[in-house]
Every structure is written in C-alpha cells, then in structure tokens.
Amino acid sequence: MRDFHLPGRSAVFATNGMVATSHPLAAATAIDILKAGGNAADAAIAAAVLLGICEPQMTGIGGDMFALIQKDPTANVVALNGSGRAPVAANAAALRDAGHGTVPLHSVDAVTIPGAIDGFCTLAKDFGALPLKDTLAPAIHYARAGVPVAPKVAFDWAQNTQALQGSARDKYLTAGAAPKIGQLFAAPGQAEVLERVASEGRDGFYTGAVAEDMQASLRAAGGCHSLEDFAATKSTYGTPLRASYKGIEMLEHPA
C-alpha cells in the first residue's frame, strides 16, 4: 500500500471492465462502447480514433497504430503493427546527396503512408464484436460537433504552430493562432473520411477520393508518394518481446 501522506495514485479495481486514456472524453466513450456490447478491441478503436479529435497534436488517422491483444485467456498475445511505411520511390541516397545525414523532420520526405486506419480495420475484423460503423460513430459525431480544447492540448498546440504547413494551417489554426483553452475544435473533413471508412472499410481511406487527395497534397509538396503506395498499405502481426521484472512477465511491442 502506498503512503497516503505523499502525492501519488492508488490502484484502481473493477469487476466488469476498465479504460485508461489520456483524455476523459475518450475514456468515457470507450466505456460506452463496452456497455453497448463491444469488447476491448472495439473500445480501444473508439477511444484511439476519438483521441485524434481530442488531442490532434498527439495522434490522428494520418499516423500509426500499435496493439498488443489477446483473444482469450488461452490464446497467445499478438502484436499488431499498423505503422506507416515509406513510399516505394523513397531514396536514401538522394537525401544524402542533398546534404542530409538524417531525414529532415518537417519535410515531406518524413511523411510515411498512414498505417493507422488499416490497423484499426484489421483489429476490428479479427477481434472486434461490433460493426466498424458503430465503433467509429462517436469520433464522427465529435469531429462534427467539436470538442473543447483541454489545457494541456492548448499548451502543446501553441508550442507547435510553426510546424504546421500548407492547408493544415487553415484547419488547425484560427487567424494564425492555436485555439485557446475551452475553444471548440471541430474537424468536419475528418468526419467525412471516417464515414467513408465506416461504410467501405480500409478501402475508403486507401483508395478513391481520400487517397487521391492525400497523394496530390504530398506530391505538391515534393513527395514521391504514389496511389499504389496507399493501396498496398497493410498492417502485420508479430510476436511480442518478453522479459521478467521482479517476477512479473512484461510484454513489449517489437516495432
């Protein structure tokens, strides 16, 4: 037992389920998914996608996803890797010839093909209990209705305004400034994208209008990303790394 006279957190106990996220709205949404008959995979998808609206400076559907999941107590834990891959035409030698020792962090060359959506769709298909449209419904709703910007989110946002480029400055800044604490942030464009995914699955993101729009924007910025790169994006399963710490078996994603 911890010393209650010192700062800290007590252990949490529950009998039917538990959710831990970095934003209360995402946690509450995941609990609602569990109450609606969803399982841990459904709850994780709902929370993770919604976090892209609650904390857009941290995560989003244009990024990656990783999961450690066990289907039931008798099954092995598997590692799902939904990370983005570099486009096929990416050329390390060209970057070195241009004088770069590493990939420039804020350049188009640092942009991989987003792997998160395929990862979420794979997780839903292989492990989920609810239709994907039900799992994505909360994020679609809040992307349109908006979410009040939390204090830490506002702080982070303000620290990173210079990193935003192109049309992202119009969508994530107001008059060139980050939103203030409590200000509503909405992303109707993301709601439309998620609706396509809800109805068409991963193809709603990696083929057709959504993929064409992403590819055109990346090409305009000097990227070598192709529609074939988007269509070929596929998450993969692997085996977690294992270690023992003070008698407790620890599992870590290998990616």
C-alpha atoms as a PDB file:
ATOM      1  CA  MET A   1       0.000   0.000   0.000  1.00  0.00           C
ATOM      2  CA  ARG A   2       1.306   3.473  -0.855  1.00  0.00           C
ATOM      3  CA  ASP A   3       1.874   6.223   1.710  1.00  0.00           C
ATOM      4  CA  PHE A   4      -1.305   8.321   1.643  1.00  0.00           C
ATOM      5  CA  HIS A   5       0.572  11.279   3.142  1.00  0.00           C
ATOM      6  CA  LEU A   6       2.578  11.609  -0.079  1.00  0.00           C
ATOM      7  CA  PRO A   7       1.420  12.560  -3.588  1.00  0.00           C
ATOM      8  CA  GLY A   8       0.564   9.611  -5.773  1.00  0.00           C
ATOM      9  CA  ARG A   9      -2.181   7.472  -7.207  1.00  0.00           C
ATOM     10  CA  SER A  10      -3.884   4.458  -5.749  1.00  0.00           C
ATOM     11  CA  ALA A  11      -4.530   1.286  -7.728  1.00  0.00           C
ATOM     12  CA  VAL A  12      -7.884   1.096  -9.496  1.00  0.00           C
ATOM     13  CA  PHE A  13     -10.042  -2.028  -9.254  1.00  0.00           C
ATOM     14  CA  ALA A  14     -13.016  -3.045 -11.378  1.00  0.00           C
ATOM     15  CA  THR A  15     -15.086  -6.169 -11.999  1.00  0.00           C
ATOM     16  CA  ASN A  16     -16.507  -5.696 -15.498  1.00  0.00           C
ATOM     17  CA  GLY A  17     -14.012  -3.599 -17.442  1.00  0.00           C
ATOM     18  CA  MET A  18     -11.571  -0.733 -17.291  1.00  0.00           C
ATOM     19  CA  VAL A  19     -10.387   2.002 -19.648  1.00  0.00           C
ATOM     20  CA  ALA A  20      -7.330   4.247 -19.400  1.00  0.00           C
ATOM     21  CA  THR A  21      -6.724   7.056 -21.905  1.00  0.00           C
ATOM     22  CA  SER A  22      -5.106  10.485 -21.871  1.00  0.00           C
ATOM     23  CA  HIS A  23      -8.451  12.312 -22.278  1.00  0.00           C
ATOM     24  CA  PRO A  24     -11.658  11.848 -20.228  1.00  0.00           C
ATOM     25  CA  LEU A  25     -13.961  12.027 -23.273  1.00  0.00           C
ATOM     26  CA  ALA A  26     -12.106   9.186 -24.973  1.00  0.00           C
ATOM     27  CA  ALA A  27     -12.252   7.102 -21.794  1.00  0.00           C
ATOM     28  CA  ALA A  28     -15.981   7.741 -21.341  1.00  0.00           C
ATOM     29  CA  THR A  29     -16.614   6.851 -24.981  1.00  0.00           C
ATOM     30  CA  ALA A  30     -14.723   3.576 -24.644  1.00  0.00           C
ATOM     31  CA  ILE A  31     -16.776   2.677 -21.560  1.00  0.00           C
ATOM     32  CA  ASP A  32     -19.966   3.412 -23.521  1.00  0.00           C
ATOM     33  CA  ILE A  33     -18.763   1.036 -26.245  1.00  0.00           C
ATOM     34  CA  LEU A  34     -18.246  -1.691 -23.638  1.00  0.00           C
ATOM     35  CA  LYS A  35     -21.735  -1.085 -22.240  1.00  0.00           C
ATOM     36  CA  ALA A  36     -23.154  -1.372 -25.762  1.00  0.00           C
ATOM     37  CA  GLY A  37     -21.774  -4.877 -26.124  1.00  0.00           C
ATOM     38  CA  GLY A  38     -18.366  -4.095 -27.555  1.00  0.00           C
ATOM     39  CA  ASN A  39     -15.190  -5.744 -26.371  1.00  0.00           C
ATOM     40  CA  ALA A  40     -11.726  -4.403 -25.564  1.00  0.00           C
ATOM     41  CA  ALA A  41     -10.792  -4.148 -29.251  1.00  0.00           C
ATOM     42  CA  ASP A  42     -13.898  -2.101 -30.056  1.00  0.00           C
ATOM     43  CA  ALA A  43     -13.332   0.170 -27.062  1.00  0.00           C
ATOM     44  CA  ALA A  44      -9.683   0.703 -27.975  1.00  0.00           C
ATOM     45  CA  ILE A  45     -10.562   1.652 -31.563  1.00  0.00           C
ATOM     46  CA  ALA A  46     -13.299   4.059 -30.482  1.00  0.00           C
ATOM     47  CA  ALA A  47     -11.023   5.770 -27.956  1.00  0.00           C
ATOM     48  CA  ALA A  48      -7.954   5.921 -30.189  1.00  0.00           C
ATOM     49  CA  VAL A  49      -9.771   7.422 -33.182  1.00  0.00           C
ATOM     50  CA  LEU A  50     -11.554   9.957 -30.970  1.00  0.00           C
ATOM     51  CA  LEU A  51      -8.212  10.997 -29.446  1.00  0.00           C
ATOM     52  CA  GLY A  52      -7.315  12.293 -32.909  1.00  0.00           C
ATOM     53  CA  ILE A  53     -10.023  14.914 -32.366  1.00  0.00           C
ATOM     54  CA  CYS A  54      -9.424  15.480 -28.640  1.00  0.00           C
ATOM     55  CA  GLU A  55      -5.625  15.657 -28.988  1.00  0.00           C
ATOM     56  CA  PRO A  56      -4.805  16.338 -32.653  1.00  0.00           C
ATOM     57  CA  GLN A  57      -1.306  17.500 -31.704  1.00  0.00           C
ATOM     58  CA  MET A  58      -0.564  13.986 -30.456  1.00  0.00           C
ATOM     59  CA  THR A  59      -2.209  11.490 -32.769  1.00  0.00           C
ATOM     60  CA  GLY A  60      -4.644  11.043 -35.636  1.00  0.00           C
ATOM     61  CA  ILE A  61      -5.807   8.984 -38.595  1.00  0.00           C
ATOM     62  CA  GLY A  62      -2.791  10.205 -40.568  1.00  0.00           C
ATOM     63  CA  GLY A  63      -0.427   8.373 -38.233  1.00  0.00           C
ATOM     64  CA  ASP A  64       0.325   4.894 -36.943  1.00  0.00           C
ATOM     65  CA  MET A  65      -1.178   2.403 -34.520  1.00  0.00           C
ATOM     66  CA  PHE A  66       0.228  -0.472 -32.487  1.00  0.00           C
ATOM     67  CA  ALA A  67      -1.629  -3.021 -30.387  1.00  0.00           C
ATOM     68  CA  LEU A  68      -0.924  -5.911 -28.067  1.00  0.00           C
ATOM     69  CA  ILE A  69      -4.020  -8.092 -27.859  1.00  0.00           C
ATOM     70  CA  GLN A  70      -5.116 -11.474 -26.575  1.00  0.00           C
ATOM     71  CA  LYS A  71      -8.285 -13.030 -27.971  1.00  0.00           C
ATOM     72  CA  ASP A  72      -8.997 -15.027 -24.814  1.00  0.00           C
ATOM     73  CA  PRO A  73      -7.091 -16.237 -21.734  1.00  0.00           C
ATOM     74  CA  THR A  74      -5.936 -19.389 -23.541  1.00  0.00           C
ATOM     75  CA  ALA A  75      -4.623 -17.609 -26.649  1.00  0.00           C
ATOM     76  CA  ASN A  76      -1.193 -16.124 -27.239  1.00  0.00           C
ATOM     77  CA  VAL A  77      -0.751 -12.353 -27.057  1.00  0.00           C
ATOM     78  CA  VAL A  78      -0.072 -10.981 -30.539  1.00  0.00           C
ATOM     79  CA  ALA A  79       1.440  -7.681 -31.665  1.00  0.00           C
ATOM     80  CA  LEU A  80      -0.348  -5.777 -34.421  1.00  0.00           C
ATOM     81  CA  ASN A  81       1.858  -3.342 -36.332  1.00  0.00           C
ATOM     82  CA  GLY A  82      -0.089  -0.613 -38.118  1.00  0.00           C
ATOM     83  CA  SER A  83       2.881   1.689 -38.661  1.00  0.00           C
ATOM     84  CA  GLY A  84       3.383   3.657 -41.837  1.00  0.00           C
ATOM     85  CA  ARG A  85       5.898   2.613 -44.452  1.00  0.00           C
ATOM     86  CA  ALA A  86       7.984   4.854 -46.665  1.00  0.00           C
ATOM     87  CA  PRO A  87       6.868   5.194 -50.289  1.00  0.00           C
ATOM     88  CA  VAL A  88       8.478   2.736 -52.695  1.00  0.00           C
ATOM     89  CA  ALA A  89      10.192   5.561 -54.577  1.00  0.00           C
ATOM     90  CA  ALA A  90      11.880   6.962 -51.439  1.00  0.00           C
ATOM     91  CA  ASN A  91      15.622   7.223 -51.991  1.00  0.00           C
ATOM     92  CA  ALA A  92      18.066   7.496 -49.083  1.00  0.00           C
ATOM     93  CA  ALA A  93      20.960   8.229 -51.438  1.00  0.00           C
ATOM     94  CA  ALA A  94      19.165  11.286 -52.829  1.00  0.00           C
ATOM     95  CA  LEU A  95      18.761  12.682 -49.311  1.00  0.00           C
ATOM     96  CA  ARG A  96      22.453  12.128 -48.568  1.00  0.00           C
ATOM     97  CA  ASP A  97      23.394  13.791 -51.862  1.00  0.00           C
ATOM     98  CA  ALA A  98      21.310  16.779 -50.775  1.00  0.00           C
ATOM     99  CA  GLY A  99      23.443  17.040 -47.639  1.00  0.00           C
ATOM    100  CA  HIS A 100      21.147  15.346 -45.129  1.00  0.00           C
ATOM    101  CA  GLY A 101      22.531  12.963 -42.518  1.00  0.00           C
ATOM    102  CA  THR A 102      19.016  12.139 -41.320  1.00  0.00           C
ATOM    103  CA  VAL A 103      15.546  12.579 -42.790  1.00  0.00           C
ATOM    104  CA  PRO A 104      14.519  16.241 -42.249  1.00  0.00           C
ATOM    105  CA  LEU A 105      11.842  16.060 -39.564  1.00  0.00           C
ATOM    106  CA  HIS A 106       9.384  18.566 -41.042  1.00  0.00           C
ATOM    107  CA  SER A 107       9.940  17.720 -44.701  1.00  0.00           C
ATOM    108  CA  VAL A 108       7.660  15.749 -46.993  1.00  0.00           C
ATOM    109  CA  ASP A 109      10.339  13.035 -47.006  1.00  0.00           C
ATOM    110  CA  ALA A 110       9.495  12.324 -43.361  1.00  0.00           C
ATOM    111  CA  VAL A 111       5.861  11.549 -44.206  1.00  0.00           C
ATOM    112  CA  THR A 112       5.112   7.828 -44.362  1.00  0.00           C
ATOM    113  CA  ILE A 113       1.929   6.284 -45.718  1.00  0.00           C
ATOM    114  CA  PRO A 114      -0.550   6.342 -42.782  1.00  0.00           C
ATOM    115  CA  GLY A 115      -0.936   2.864 -41.311  1.00  0.00           C
ATOM    116  CA  ALA A 116      -3.416   3.560 -38.515  1.00  0.00           C
ATOM    117  CA  ILE A 117      -6.659   3.094 -40.445  1.00  0.00           C
ATOM    118  CA  ASP A 118      -5.638  -0.292 -41.828  1.00  0.00           C
ATOM    119  CA  GLY A 119      -4.556  -1.277 -38.329  1.00  0.00           C
ATOM    120  CA  PHE A 120      -7.904  -0.267 -36.824  1.00  0.00           C
ATOM    121  CA  CYS A 121      -9.827  -2.061 -39.576  1.00  0.00           C
ATOM    122  CA  THR A 122      -7.712  -5.192 -39.104  1.00  0.00           C
ATOM    123  CA  LEU A 123      -8.207  -5.090 -35.339  1.00  0.00           C
ATOM    124  CA  ALA A 124     -11.969  -4.686 -35.781  1.00  0.00           C
ATOM    125  CA  LYS A 125     -12.197  -7.541 -38.303  1.00  0.00           C
ATOM    126  CA  ASP A 126     -10.066 -10.018 -36.371  1.00  0.00           C
ATOM    127  CA  PHE A 127     -11.018  -9.189 -32.793  1.00  0.00           C
ATOM    128  CA  GLY A 128     -13.973  -6.789 -32.642  1.00  0.00           C
ATOM    129  CA  ALA A 129     -17.553  -7.629 -31.640  1.00  0.00           C
ATOM    130  CA  LEU A 130     -19.323  -4.564 -33.080  1.00  0.00           C
ATOM    131  CA  PRO A 131     -19.668  -3.288 -36.648  1.00  0.00           C
ATOM    132  CA  LEU A 132     -16.987  -0.731 -37.505  1.00  0.00           C
ATOM    133  CA  LYS A 133     -19.649   1.910 -38.136  1.00  0.00           C
ATOM    134  CA  ASP A 134     -20.746   1.660 -34.501  1.00  0.00           C
ATOM    135  CA  THR A 135     -17.192   1.877 -33.213  1.00  0.00           C
ATOM    136  CA  LEU A 136     -16.388   4.958 -35.307  1.00  0.00           C
ATOM    137  CA  ALA A 137     -19.715   6.721 -34.644  1.00  0.00           C
ATOM    138  CA  PRO A 138     -18.509   8.670 -31.553  1.00  0.00           C
ATOM    139  CA  ALA A 139     -15.451  10.072 -33.349  1.00  0.00           C
ATOM    140  CA  ILE A 140     -17.594  11.039 -36.345  1.00  0.00           C
ATOM    141  CA  HIS A 141     -20.037  12.833 -34.046  1.00  0.00           C
ATOM    142  CA  TYR A 142     -17.383  14.787 -32.145  1.00  0.00           C
ATOM    143  CA  ALA A 143     -15.435  15.603 -35.304  1.00  0.00           C
ATOM    144  CA  ARG A 144     -18.529  17.499 -36.453  1.00  0.00           C
ATOM    145  CA  ALA A 145     -19.833  18.809 -33.123  1.00  0.00           C
ATOM    146  CA  GLY A 146     -16.399  19.781 -31.811  1.00  0.00           C
ATOM    147  CA  VAL A 147     -14.511  19.083 -28.587  1.00  0.00           C
ATOM    148  CA  PRO A 148     -13.487  21.761 -26.039  1.00  0.00           C
ATOM    149  CA  VAL A 149      -9.711  22.176 -26.118  1.00  0.00           C
ATOM    150  CA  ALA A 150      -8.161  20.946 -22.854  1.00  0.00           C
ATOM    151  CA  PRO A 151      -5.438  22.985 -21.074  1.00  0.00           C
ATOM    152  CA  LYS A 152      -2.550  20.631 -21.899  1.00  0.00           C
ATOM    153  CA  VAL A 153      -3.739  20.314 -25.501  1.00  0.00           C
ATOM    154  CA  ALA A 154      -3.877  24.116 -25.852  1.00  0.00           C
ATOM    155  CA  PHE A 155      -0.358  24.376 -24.410  1.00  0.00           C
ATOM    156  CA  ASP A 156       1.073  21.777 -26.791  1.00  0.00           C
ATOM    157  CA  TRP A 157      -0.793  23.259 -29.757  1.00  0.00           C
ATOM    158  CA  ALA A 158       0.654  26.718 -29.145  1.00  0.00           C
ATOM    159  CA  GLN A 159       4.175  25.284 -28.932  1.00  0.00           C
ATOM    160  CA  ASN A 160       3.907  23.649 -32.359  1.00  0.00           C
ATOM    161  CA  THR A 161       2.150  26.184 -34.566  1.00  0.00           C
ATOM    162  CA  GLN A 162       5.269  26.773 -36.672  1.00  0.00           C
ATOM    163  CA  ALA A 163       5.435  23.091 -37.589  1.00  0.00           C
ATOM    164  CA  LEU A 164       2.097  23.273 -39.413  1.00  0.00           C
ATOM    165  CA  GLN A 165       2.410  23.652 -43.162  1.00  0.00           C
ATOM    166  CA  GLY A 166       0.137  24.232 -46.153  1.00  0.00           C
ATOM    167  CA  SER A 167      -3.605  23.755 -45.746  1.00  0.00           C
ATOM    168  CA  ALA A 168      -3.048  22.327 -42.243  1.00  0.00           C
ATOM    169  CA  ARG A 169      -2.554  25.891 -41.019  1.00  0.00           C
ATOM    170  CA  ASP A 170      -6.079  26.758 -42.132  1.00  0.00           C
ATOM    171  CA  LYS A 171      -7.628  23.704 -40.477  1.00  0.00           C
ATOM    172  CA  TYR A 172      -5.683  23.696 -37.202  1.00  0.00           C
ATOM    173  CA  LEU A 173      -5.169  27.424 -36.558  1.00  0.00           C
ATOM    174  CA  THR A 174      -7.525  30.377 -36.209  1.00  0.00           C
ATOM    175  CA  ALA A 175      -6.135  33.616 -37.642  1.00  0.00           C
ATOM    176  CA  GLY A 176      -2.698  32.015 -37.426  1.00  0.00           C
ATOM    177  CA  ALA A 177      -3.001  31.115 -33.740  1.00  0.00           C
ATOM    178  CA  ALA A 178      -3.666  27.897 -31.842  1.00  0.00           C
ATOM    179  CA  PRO A 179      -7.095  27.520 -30.212  1.00  0.00           C
ATOM    180  CA  LYS A 180      -7.467  28.648 -26.614  1.00  0.00           C
ATOM    181  CA  ILE A 181      -8.496  26.589 -23.593  1.00  0.00           C
ATOM    182  CA  GLY A 182     -12.177  25.692 -23.867  1.00  0.00           C
ATOM    183  CA  GLN A 183     -12.490  26.710 -27.510  1.00  0.00           C
ATOM    184  CA  LEU A 184     -14.294  24.129 -29.635  1.00  0.00           C
ATOM    185  CA  PHE A 185     -12.205  22.272 -32.176  1.00  0.00           C
ATOM    186  CA  ALA A 186     -14.094  20.502 -34.958  1.00  0.00           C
ATOM    187  CA  ALA A 187     -12.806  18.584 -37.963  1.00  0.00           C
ATOM    188  CA  PRO A 188     -15.693  18.052 -40.398  1.00  0.00           C
ATOM    189  CA  GLY A 189     -13.295  16.844 -43.069  1.00  0.00           C
ATOM    190  CA  GLN A 190     -12.151  14.021 -40.822  1.00  0.00           C
ATOM    191  CA  ALA A 191     -15.793  13.173 -40.121  1.00  0.00           C
ATOM    192  CA  GLU A 192     -16.320  12.662 -43.851  1.00  0.00           C
ATOM    193  CA  VAL A 193     -13.235  10.465 -44.100  1.00  0.00           C
ATOM    194  CA  LEU A 194     -14.316   8.348 -41.129  1.00  0.00           C
ATOM    195  CA  GLU A 195     -17.780   7.947 -42.635  1.00  0.00           C
ATOM    196  CA  ARG A 196     -16.158   6.520 -45.764  1.00  0.00           C
ATOM    197  CA  VAL A 197     -14.155   4.095 -43.634  1.00  0.00           C
ATOM    198  CA  ALA A 198     -17.276   3.146 -41.667  1.00  0.00           C
ATOM    199  CA  SER A 199     -19.111   2.224 -44.872  1.00  0.00           C
ATOM    200  CA  GLU A 200     -16.273   0.983 -47.112  1.00  0.00           C
ATOM    201  CA  GLY A 201     -13.659  -0.281 -44.655  1.00  0.00           C
ATOM    202  CA  ARG A 202      -9.964   0.395 -45.241  1.00  0.00           C
ATOM    203  CA  ASP A 203     -10.565   0.929 -48.981  1.00  0.00           C
ATOM    204  CA  GLY A 204     -12.497   4.081 -48.110  1.00  0.00           C
ATOM    205  CA  PHE A 205      -9.181   5.538 -46.965  1.00  0.00           C
ATOM    206  CA  TYR A 206      -6.508   3.905 -49.131  1.00  0.00           C
ATOM    207  CA  THR A 207      -8.275   4.061 -52.490  1.00  0.00           C
ATOM    208  CA  GLY A 208     -10.579   6.529 -54.189  1.00  0.00           C
ATOM    209  CA  ALA A 209     -11.049  10.195 -53.345  1.00  0.00           C
ATOM    210  CA  VAL A 210      -9.382  10.196 -49.915  1.00  0.00           C
ATOM    211  CA  ALA A 211      -6.187   8.525 -51.117  1.00  0.00           C
ATOM    212  CA  GLU A 212      -6.127  10.708 -54.230  1.00  0.00           C
ATOM    213  CA  ASP A 213      -6.396  13.860 -52.111  1.00  0.00           C
ATOM    214  CA  MET A 214      -3.562  12.797 -49.784  1.00  0.00           C
ATOM    215  CA  GLN A 215      -1.354  11.757 -52.666  1.00  0.00           C
ATOM    216  CA  ALA A 216      -1.956  15.002 -54.558  1.00  0.00           C
ATOM    217  CA  SER A 217      -1.092  17.086 -51.474  1.00  0.00           C
ATOM    218  CA  LEU A 218       2.106  15.122 -50.853  1.00  0.00           C
ATOM    219  CA  ARG A 219       3.137  15.347 -54.493  1.00  0.00           C
ATOM    220  CA  ALA A 220       2.521  19.099 -54.493  1.00  0.00           C
ATOM    221  CA  ALA A 221       4.903  19.346 -51.514  1.00  0.00           C
ATOM    222  CA  GLY A 222       7.595  17.482 -53.437  1.00  0.00           C
ATOM    223  CA  GLY A 223       6.899  13.951 -52.222  1.00  0.00           C
ATOM    224  CA  CYS A 224       7.230  10.733 -54.187  1.00  0.00           C
ATOM    225  CA  HIS A 225       4.156   9.036 -52.707  1.00  0.00           C
ATOM    226  CA  SER A 226       2.022   7.077 -55.172  1.00  0.00           C
ATOM    227  CA  LEU A 227      -1.542   5.773 -55.169  1.00  0.00           C
ATOM    228  CA  GLU A 228      -0.030   2.296 -55.325  1.00  0.00           C
ATOM    229  CA  ASP A 229       1.744   3.001 -52.028  1.00  0.00           C
ATOM    230  CA  PHE A 230      -1.583   3.806 -50.390  1.00  0.00           C
ATOM    231  CA  ALA A 231      -3.406   0.811 -51.858  1.00  0.00           C
ATOM    232  CA  ALA A 232      -0.634  -1.572 -50.772  1.00  0.00           C
ATOM    233  CA  THR A 233      -0.553  -0.435 -47.134  1.00  0.00           C
ATOM    234  CA  LYS A 234      -1.124  -3.417 -44.882  1.00  0.00           C
ATOM    235  CA  SER A 235      -0.713  -3.930 -41.142  1.00  0.00           C
ATOM    236  CA  THR A 236       1.062  -7.066 -39.937  1.00  0.00           C
ATOM    237  CA  TYR A 237       1.083  -9.355 -36.922  1.00  0.00           C
ATOM    238  CA  GLY A 238       4.172 -10.284 -34.932  1.00  0.00           C
ATOM    239  CA  THR A 239       5.277 -11.773 -31.635  1.00  0.00           C
ATOM    240  CA  PRO A 240       5.719  -9.516 -28.586  1.00  0.00           C
ATOM    241  CA  LEU A 241       9.066  -9.217 -26.835  1.00  0.00           C
ATOM    242  CA  ARG A 242       9.048 -10.773 -23.348  1.00  0.00           C
ATOM    243  CA  ALA A 243      11.050 -10.109 -20.209  1.00  0.00           C
ATOM    244  CA  SER A 244      10.686 -10.740 -16.494  1.00  0.00           C
ATOM    245  CA  TYR A 245      10.787  -7.913 -13.938  1.00  0.00           C
ATOM    246  CA  LYS A 246      10.523  -8.676 -10.231  1.00  0.00           C
ATOM    247  CA  GLY A 247       8.629 -11.842 -11.016  1.00  0.00           C
ATOM    248  CA  ILE A 248       6.198 -10.161 -13.420  1.00  0.00           C
ATOM    249  CA  GLU A 249       6.216 -11.092 -17.102  1.00  0.00           C
ATOM    250  CA  MET A 250       6.475  -7.959 -19.227  1.00  0.00           C
ATOM    251  CA  LEU A 251       5.399  -7.793 -22.889  1.00  0.00           C
ATOM    252  CA  GLU A 252       6.504  -5.111 -25.331  1.00  0.00           C
ATOM    253  CA  HIS A 253       5.591  -4.428 -28.944  1.00  0.00           C
ATOM    254  CA  PRO A 254       8.583  -5.317 -31.163  1.00  0.00           C
ATOM    255  CA  ALA A 255       8.095  -2.426 -33.608  1.00  0.00           C
END
